[in-house]
Amino acid sequence: MDILKLIGRDNELFTNDINSNANELLSIVQHSSFLVIGGAGSIGQAVTKEIFMRKPKKLHVVDISENNLVELVRDIRSSFGYIEGDFQTFALDIGSLEYDAFIHADGNYDYVLNLSALKHVRSEKDAFTLMRMIDTNIFNTEKTIKQSIENGVKKYFCVSTDKAANPVNMMGASKRIMEMFIHKYSTQIDVSMARFANVAFSDGSLLHGFNQRIQKKQPIVAPSDIKRYFVVPKEAGELCLMSCIFGKNRDIFFPKLNEDLHLVTFADIAIKYLNNLGFNAYLCNNEDEARQLTKSLPKESKWPCLFTKSDTTGEKDFEEFYTDNETLDLDRFKSLGIIKNSIDYDNEKIDNFVRTIGLMRENIQWTKNDILDLFHKMIPGFGHKETGKYLDSKM
């Protein structure tokens, strides 16, 4: 299945920039060692493959998912074979003692890339998953960047999100706060980041869910009014690697908007997706009708679909990669924009955030409103939208 066609494109976004910098990129990777944290997720696997194919001296990949690491190795061996460099994977939780022992035993890397994250807006539906999101997106980032400083790592890269620009949900806000923490340590180590669009058919995404629904003979459901920018996994890997290798301290890379990168609705992609499989979308009026028709419609080369307007908490009406207050470099690359950052963090706010979250965890008691109030203190004007409805309450 041609993912590019499904998202309305004929060409990959970054081919020109990758080709223009191919020799330098190859030389740097071949003479460097890498640690990829969260390397078995969709973006992590894409990044790992971009590094592996350029034959690094050392490439270690850490992820909490043992099964996804197995698939990553199978994928790499099947596509690229082997390298002379040290390539290993480790099924570790980066918040664990075992991970600390792993870093203590080696820890010698030129580049550390942190791709680990809780990325779903639905993770803010309850106070407990929300606290895990804070731990993963913020405190594990702080932990790994401090370890990188202690071990003399040359460069630390971390994935942010387009939702960190003028955030309206807790996930985006957690990544914006993560950026503040990274700024704090940028005086001790070079850092760079990336904000990018939805990765088409990444694990857990709505588009990935289309595959699951077809396999399980279930209806396709999508919002009809939400438009998003999409990149394919390969482009996500290229964006991260370019930022890691070529980003200057505190740079944030993002895809420049052009005729190739345009907004697409999930419903439009669903229709193209079904057409690609030989089905026409049949629009249903409600969930019950959609569930019932899965028993008969596929025999007529039709698939039941439910396209509705979005009314769930945390959905942003539009996507943006940067704010009006950020300084941009749109000239260095053809398809990559760069947010140029000077040091921007409030140490008192960060200390209060760490102290307050620490007390919540120590007392083993907190509410979503407690955390929301703290986020508002960290991000003045945080435009959180609470509708009382969440994605888990829908099909």
Protein backbone atom coordinates (compact mmCIF):
# COMPACT_ATOMS: atom_id res chain seq x y z
CA MET A 1 0.00 0.00 0.00
CA ASP A 2 1.41 3.38 -1.03
CA ILE A 3 1.10 5.51 2.11
CA LEU A 4 2.13 8.65 0.23
CA LYS A 5 -0.81 8.29 -2.13
CA LEU A 6 -3.21 7.82 0.78
CA ILE A 7 -2.18 11.14 2.31
CA GLY A 8 -2.45 12.89 -1.06
CA ARG A 9 1.21 13.14 -2.07
CA ASP A 10 3.44 11.88 -4.85
CA ASN A 11 6.83 12.85 -3.42
CA GLU A 12 8.71 12.48 -0.16
CA LEU A 13 9.31 15.78 1.60
CA PHE A 14 13.00 15.75 2.45
CA THR A 15 14.63 14.01 -0.53
CA ASN A 16 16.38 17.17 -1.73
CA ASP A 17 17.81 18.02 1.71
CA ILE A 18 18.90 14.43 2.35
CA ASN A 19 20.62 14.17 -1.04
CA SER A 20 22.29 17.59 -0.72
CA ASN A 21 23.81 16.59 2.61
CA ALA A 22 24.28 12.88 1.90
CA ASN A 23 28.08 12.75 2.00
CA GLU A 24 28.43 14.74 5.22
CA LEU A 25 25.61 12.80 6.85
CA LEU A 26 27.20 9.49 5.87
CA SER A 27 30.65 10.50 7.10
CA ILE A 28 29.40 11.70 10.48
CA VAL A 29 27.25 8.62 11.10
CA GLN A 30 30.00 6.19 10.05
CA HIS A 31 32.42 7.72 12.55
CA SER A 32 29.95 8.03 15.44
CA SER A 33 28.20 6.01 18.13
CA PHE A 34 24.48 6.29 18.88
CA LEU A 35 22.01 5.44 21.61
CA VAL A 36 18.36 5.49 20.52
CA ILE A 37 15.93 5.56 23.46
CA GLY A 38 12.39 4.48 22.66
CA GLY A 39 13.78 3.02 19.47
CA ALA A 40 11.10 0.38 18.91
CA GLY A 41 8.18 2.77 18.47
CA SER A 42 7.16 3.87 15.01
CA ILE A 43 9.38 6.97 14.95
CA GLY A 44 12.15 5.21 16.86
CA GLN A 45 12.26 2.36 14.34
CA ALA A 46 12.38 4.83 11.46
CA VAL A 47 15.26 6.73 13.10
CA THR A 48 17.12 3.52 13.92
CA LYS A 49 16.91 2.37 10.30
CA GLU A 50 18.17 5.75 9.02
CA ILE A 51 21.21 5.42 11.29
CA PHE A 52 21.81 1.70 10.63
CA MET A 53 21.80 2.05 6.84
CA ARG A 54 24.70 4.54 7.16
CA LYS A 55 26.83 1.99 9.07
CA PRO A 56 27.62 3.63 12.45
CA LYS A 57 30.46 2.53 14.72
CA LYS A 58 27.95 1.69 17.45
CA LEU A 59 24.17 1.67 17.56
CA HIS A 60 22.38 0.65 20.75
CA VAL A 61 18.60 0.69 20.90
CA VAL A 62 16.57 0.72 24.13
CA ASP A 63 12.83 0.23 24.41
CA ILE A 64 10.36 -1.10 26.97
CA SER A 65 8.65 -3.26 24.33
CA GLU A 66 10.44 -6.57 23.87
CA ASN A 67 8.15 -7.60 21.01
CA ASN A 68 8.68 -4.39 19.06
CA LEU A 69 12.45 -4.74 19.45
CA VAL A 70 12.26 -8.24 17.99
CA GLU A 71 10.34 -6.88 14.98
CA LEU A 72 12.84 -4.02 14.62
CA VAL A 73 15.75 -6.47 14.38
CA ARG A 74 13.88 -8.68 11.92
CA ASP A 75 13.02 -5.64 9.81
CA ILE A 76 16.60 -4.36 9.78
CA ARG A 77 18.11 -7.75 9.00
CA SER A 78 15.58 -8.31 6.21
CA SER A 79 16.12 -4.87 4.64
CA PHE A 80 19.76 -3.96 5.31
CA GLY A 81 21.55 -7.07 6.56
CA TYR A 82 24.52 -6.46 8.84
CA ILE A 83 27.15 -3.85 9.72
CA GLU A 84 30.64 -4.14 11.18
CA GLY A 85 29.67 -1.76 13.96
CA ASP A 86 28.24 -2.77 17.33
CA PHE A 87 24.47 -3.11 16.90
CA GLN A 88 22.48 -4.27 19.93
CA THR A 89 18.98 -3.88 21.36
CA PHE A 90 17.99 -3.83 25.03
CA ALA A 91 14.48 -4.36 26.42
CA LEU A 92 14.68 -1.85 29.27
CA ASP A 93 12.46 0.72 30.97
CA ILE A 94 14.50 3.94 30.99
CA GLY A 95 13.04 4.84 34.38
CA SER A 96 14.41 1.66 35.92
CA LEU A 97 17.48 0.70 37.94
CA GLU A 98 18.40 -1.77 35.21
CA TYR A 99 18.62 1.05 32.69
CA ASP A 100 20.85 3.02 35.07
CA ALA A 101 23.12 -0.03 35.36
CA PHE A 102 23.20 -0.29 31.56
CA ILE A 103 24.30 3.36 31.25
CA HIS A 104 26.83 2.90 34.07
CA ALA A 105 28.33 -0.12 32.29
CA ASP A 106 28.83 1.76 29.02
CA GLY A 107 27.27 5.17 28.45
CA ASN A 108 29.85 6.15 25.86
CA TYR A 109 27.96 7.63 22.92
CA ASP A 110 28.45 10.58 20.62
CA TYR A 111 24.72 11.05 20.09
CA VAL A 112 21.75 10.19 22.31
CA LEU A 113 18.33 10.34 20.66
CA ASN A 114 15.30 10.20 22.94
CA LEU A 115 12.18 9.07 21.07
CA SER A 116 10.28 7.75 24.09
CA ALA A 117 6.93 9.42 24.82
CA LEU A 118 3.34 9.01 25.79
CA LYS A 119 1.93 10.65 22.70
CA HIS A 120 -1.83 10.18 22.85
CA VAL A 121 -4.24 12.94 23.78
CA ARG A 122 -6.36 10.19 25.33
CA SER A 123 -3.63 9.71 27.98
CA GLU A 124 -4.97 12.77 29.80
CA LYS A 125 -8.37 11.24 30.49
CA ASP A 126 -7.42 10.15 34.04
CA ALA A 127 -5.05 11.51 36.65
CA PHE A 128 -2.95 8.35 36.88
CA THR A 129 -2.09 7.91 33.21
CA LEU A 130 -1.51 11.66 33.12
CA MET A 131 1.11 11.36 35.85
CA ARG A 132 2.83 8.59 33.91
CA MET A 133 2.85 10.90 30.87
CA ILE A 134 4.59 13.57 32.96
CA ASP A 135 7.11 11.02 34.19
CA THR A 136 7.82 9.72 30.68
CA ASN A 137 7.77 12.96 28.70
CA ILE A 138 9.43 15.26 31.25
CA PHE A 139 11.29 13.50 34.06
CA ASN A 140 12.74 10.64 32.02
CA THR A 141 13.95 13.26 29.56
CA GLU A 142 15.63 15.14 32.40
CA LYS A 143 17.15 11.92 33.71
CA THR A 144 18.60 10.87 30.35
CA ILE A 145 19.96 14.30 29.47
CA LYS A 146 21.70 14.49 32.87
CA GLN A 147 23.23 11.06 32.26
CA SER A 148 24.36 12.23 28.83
CA ILE A 149 26.09 15.25 30.37
CA GLU A 150 27.83 13.04 32.95
CA ASN A 151 29.08 10.71 30.20
CA GLY A 152 30.38 13.43 27.90
CA VAL A 153 27.85 12.86 25.10
CA LYS A 154 28.37 15.25 22.20
CA LYS A 155 24.70 15.85 21.34
CA TYR A 156 21.28 15.11 22.87
CA PHE A 157 18.24 15.00 20.60
CA CYS A 158 14.64 14.77 21.73
CA VAL A 159 11.32 14.62 19.90
CA SER A 160 8.82 17.31 20.74
CA THR A 161 5.50 17.76 18.91
CA ASP A 162 3.60 20.29 16.85
CA LYS A 163 1.11 20.23 19.74
CA ALA A 164 3.71 21.99 21.92
CA ALA A 165 3.13 25.17 19.92
CA ASN A 166 0.28 26.99 21.69
CA PRO A 167 -0.82 23.73 23.38
CA VAL A 168 -4.49 22.99 24.03
CA ASN A 169 -4.06 19.50 25.52
CA MET A 170 -2.02 18.05 28.36
CA MET A 171 0.13 15.95 26.04
CA GLY A 172 1.23 19.02 24.07
CA ALA A 173 1.73 20.96 27.29
CA SER A 174 3.89 18.19 28.73
CA LYS A 175 6.13 18.42 25.66
CA ARG A 176 6.27 22.23 25.96
CA ILE A 177 7.39 21.84 29.58
CA MET A 178 9.90 19.22 28.42
CA GLU A 179 11.35 21.84 26.06
CA MET A 180 11.81 24.16 29.05
CA PHE A 181 13.71 21.45 30.93
CA ILE A 182 15.92 20.84 27.90
CA HIS A 183 16.73 24.55 27.72
CA LYS A 184 17.89 24.40 31.33
CA TYR A 185 20.53 21.81 30.46
CA SER A 186 21.50 23.31 27.10
CA THR A 187 24.31 25.26 28.78
CA GLN A 188 25.98 21.92 29.57
CA ILE A 189 25.33 19.93 26.39
CA ASP A 190 24.27 20.70 22.83
CA VAL A 191 20.62 19.83 22.28
CA SER A 192 18.24 19.83 19.35
CA MET A 193 14.64 18.79 18.85
CA ALA A 194 11.98 18.23 16.20
CA ARG A 195 8.33 19.11 15.97
CA PHE A 196 6.43 17.32 13.27
CA ALA A 197 3.05 16.28 12.05
CA ASN A 198 1.13 13.06 12.50
CA VAL A 199 3.12 10.04 11.37
CA ALA A 200 0.82 8.16 9.00
CA PHE A 201 0.00 4.63 10.15
CA SER A 202 2.27 4.83 13.20
CA ASP A 203 1.50 2.40 16.03
CA GLY A 204 -1.62 3.35 17.93
CA SER A 205 -2.64 6.08 15.48
CA LEU A 206 -6.11 6.30 14.01
CA LEU A 207 -4.76 5.35 10.57
CA HIS A 208 -2.99 2.31 12.06
CA GLY A 209 -6.37 1.49 13.57
CA PHE A 210 -7.83 1.26 10.06
CA ASN A 211 -5.66 -1.83 9.50
CA GLN A 212 -6.91 -3.37 12.73
CA ARG A 213 -10.55 -2.68 11.90
CA ILE A 214 -10.25 -4.33 8.49
CA GLN A 215 -8.52 -7.40 9.91
CA LYS A 216 -11.19 -7.73 12.60
CA LYS A 217 -14.06 -6.96 10.21
CA GLN A 218 -15.14 -3.87 12.14
CA PRO A 219 -16.38 -0.43 11.00
CA ILE A 220 -14.03 2.39 10.05
CA VAL A 221 -14.59 5.45 12.25
CA ALA A 222 -12.98 8.87 11.74
CA PRO A 223 -13.62 12.56 12.47
CA SER A 224 -14.96 14.43 9.47
CA ASP A 225 -13.87 17.91 10.56
CA ILE A 226 -10.30 17.41 11.81
CA LYS A 227 -7.53 18.22 9.33
CA ARG A 228 -3.93 17.27 9.99
CA TYR A 229 -0.52 17.36 8.34
CA PHE A 230 0.95 13.90 7.78
CA VAL A 231 4.45 12.57 7.25
CA VAL A 232 5.37 8.96 6.49
CA PRO A 233 7.63 7.01 8.89
CA LYS A 234 10.72 7.37 6.65
CA GLU A 235 10.28 11.16 6.65
CA ALA A 236 9.95 11.15 10.45
CA GLY A 237 13.25 9.28 10.70
CA GLU A 238 14.97 11.66 8.30
CA LEU A 239 13.68 14.73 10.14
CA CYS A 240 14.98 13.45 13.48
CA LEU A 241 18.37 12.46 12.09
CA MET A 242 18.85 15.79 10.29
CA SER A 243 18.03 17.70 13.47
CA CYS A 244 20.31 15.50 15.55
CA ILE A 245 23.29 15.78 13.21
CA PHE A 246 22.93 19.30 11.81
CA GLY A 247 20.90 21.15 14.45
CA LYS A 248 22.73 23.81 16.41
CA ASN A 249 22.22 24.14 20.16
CA ARG A 250 18.48 24.54 21.01
CA ASP A 251 17.36 24.31 17.37
CA ILE A 252 13.95 22.76 16.71
CA PHE A 253 13.47 21.36 13.19
CA PHE A 254 10.06 21.10 11.54
CA PRO A 255 8.66 20.38 8.06
CA LYS A 256 8.24 23.55 6.01
CA LEU A 257 4.80 23.99 4.55
CA ASN A 258 4.72 23.74 0.76
CA GLU A 259 2.60 22.30 -2.01
CA ASP A 260 3.52 18.75 -0.94
CA LEU A 261 2.65 19.11 2.75
CA HIS A 262 -0.99 20.01 3.09
CA LEU A 263 -3.88 19.43 5.47
CA VAL A 264 -5.90 16.25 5.00
CA THR A 265 -8.97 15.01 6.88
CA PHE A 266 -8.97 11.58 8.47
CA ALA A 267 -12.24 10.84 6.65
CA ASP A 268 -10.66 11.55 3.26
CA ILE A 269 -7.78 9.19 4.04
CA ALA A 270 -10.25 6.51 5.17
CA ILE A 271 -12.07 6.71 1.83
CA LYS A 272 -8.81 6.42 -0.15
CA TYR A 273 -7.63 3.62 2.13
CA LEU A 274 -10.79 1.59 1.49
CA ASN A 275 -10.66 2.28 -2.25
CA ASN A 276 -7.10 0.93 -2.26
CA LEU A 277 -8.43 -2.31 -0.75
CA GLY A 278 -11.25 -2.55 -3.29
CA PHE A 279 -14.06 -1.19 -1.11
CA ASN A 280 -16.29 1.86 -1.32
CA ALA A 281 -17.04 3.72 1.89
CA TYR A 282 -20.68 3.36 3.02
CA LEU A 283 -21.64 6.20 5.36
CA CYS A 284 -23.62 5.10 8.42
CA ASN A 285 -25.74 7.20 10.77
CA ASN A 286 -24.68 5.67 14.10
CA GLU A 287 -22.46 3.06 15.74
CA ASP A 288 -25.13 0.35 15.93
CA GLU A 289 -25.83 0.58 12.20
CA ALA A 290 -22.11 0.49 11.41
CA ARG A 291 -21.50 -2.57 13.57
CA GLN A 292 -24.48 -4.41 12.10
CA LEU A 293 -23.56 -3.73 8.47
CA THR A 294 -20.08 -5.27 8.79
CA LYS A 295 -21.81 -8.64 8.38
CA SER A 296 -23.23 -7.88 4.95
CA LEU A 297 -21.68 -4.88 3.22
CA PRO A 298 -18.14 -6.26 2.56
CA LYS A 299 -19.72 -8.89 0.29
CA GLU A 300 -20.90 -5.99 -1.88
CA SER A 301 -17.42 -4.39 -1.92
CA LYS A 302 -18.61 -1.74 0.53
CA TRP A 303 -17.34 -0.99 4.04
CA PRO A 304 -19.40 0.64 6.82
CA CYS A 305 -17.97 3.98 7.94
CA LEU A 306 -18.99 6.45 10.61
CA PHE A 307 -17.66 9.98 10.06
CA THR A 308 -18.62 12.46 12.77
CA LYS A 309 -17.56 15.87 14.03
CA SER A 310 -15.04 15.84 16.87
CA ASP A 311 -16.17 16.84 20.36
CA THR A 312 -13.52 15.22 22.57
CA THR A 313 -11.17 16.89 25.03
CA GLY A 314 -7.81 18.08 23.74
CA GLU A 315 -8.49 18.18 20.01
CA LYS A 316 -6.79 21.15 18.38
CA ASP A 317 -8.73 22.85 15.61
CA PHE A 318 -5.62 23.38 13.51
CA GLU A 319 -1.96 22.42 13.49
CA GLU A 320 1.01 24.74 13.81
CA PHE A 321 4.70 24.02 14.14
CA TYR A 322 5.77 27.32 15.71
CA THR A 323 4.35 30.40 17.42
CA ASP A 324 4.48 34.07 16.44
CA ASN A 325 7.07 34.66 19.16
CA GLU A 326 9.62 32.18 17.80
CA THR A 327 12.46 33.11 15.43
CA LEU A 328 12.68 31.04 12.25
CA ASP A 329 15.38 30.07 9.78
CA LEU A 330 13.62 29.09 6.56
CA ASP A 331 16.67 29.40 4.30
CA ARG A 332 19.15 26.74 5.44
CA PHE A 333 17.21 23.79 3.99
CA LYS A 334 14.70 23.40 1.19
CA SER A 335 12.00 21.49 3.07
CA LEU A 336 13.13 21.81 6.70
CA GLY A 337 12.43 24.87 8.80
CA ILE A 338 14.31 25.65 12.00
CA ILE A 339 13.13 27.42 15.15
CA LYS A 340 16.14 29.31 16.51
CA ASN A 341 16.02 29.47 20.29
CA SER A 342 17.98 31.46 22.80
CA ILE A 343 17.96 30.14 26.37
CA ASP A 344 14.41 30.39 27.63
CA TYR A 345 13.44 28.87 30.96
CA ASP A 346 12.38 29.99 34.43
CA ASN A 347 14.39 28.08 37.01
CA GLU A 348 12.01 29.00 39.81
CA LYS A 349 9.05 27.63 37.84
CA ILE A 350 10.92 24.43 37.02
CA ASP A 351 11.96 23.92 40.66
CA ASN A 352 8.37 24.48 41.80
CA PHE A 353 7.13 22.00 39.19
CA VAL A 354 9.60 19.34 40.34
CA ARG A 355 8.82 19.97 44.01
CA THR A 356 5.03 19.93 43.55
CA ILE A 357 4.97 16.77 41.44
CA GLY A 358 7.37 15.17 43.92
CA LEU A 359 4.99 15.88 46.82
CA MET A 360 2.03 14.47 44.86
CA ARG A 361 3.93 11.25 44.19
CA GLU A 362 5.25 11.04 47.74
CA ASN A 363 1.71 11.29 49.12
CA ILE A 364 0.44 8.91 46.40
CA GLN A 365 -2.48 11.26 45.87
CA TRP A 366 -3.33 13.80 43.19
CA THR A 367 -6.16 14.86 40.90
CA LYS A 368 -6.27 15.93 37.30
CA ASN A 369 -7.18 19.45 38.42
CA ASP A 370 -4.08 19.54 40.65
CA ILE A 371 -1.91 18.80 37.62
CA LEU A 372 -3.89 21.12 35.35
CA ASP A 373 -3.37 24.01 37.78
CA LEU A 374 0.36 23.30 37.81
CA PHE A 375 0.47 23.24 34.00
CA HIS A 376 -1.27 26.63 33.91
CA LYS A 377 1.47 28.02 36.19
CA MET A 378 4.14 26.67 33.86
CA ILE A 379 2.45 27.84 30.65
CA PRO A 380 0.55 31.13 31.02
CA GLY A 381 -2.34 31.17 28.59
CA PHE A 382 -2.42 27.38 28.29
CA GLY A 383 -5.56 26.88 26.20
CA HIS A 384 -6.73 23.57 27.60
CA LYS A 385 -10.13 22.51 26.26
CA GLU A 386 -12.16 20.31 28.61
CA THR A 387 -15.34 18.94 27.02
CA GLY A 388 -15.93 16.08 29.44
CA LYS A 389 -15.74 13.66 26.50
CA TYR A 390 -12.80 11.41 25.65
CA LEU A 391 -11.81 9.18 22.76
CA ASP A 392 -12.17 6.03 24.86
CA SER A 393 -15.93 6.69 25.07
CA LYS A 394 -16.23 6.35 21.27
CA MET A 395 -15.90 3.44 18.87
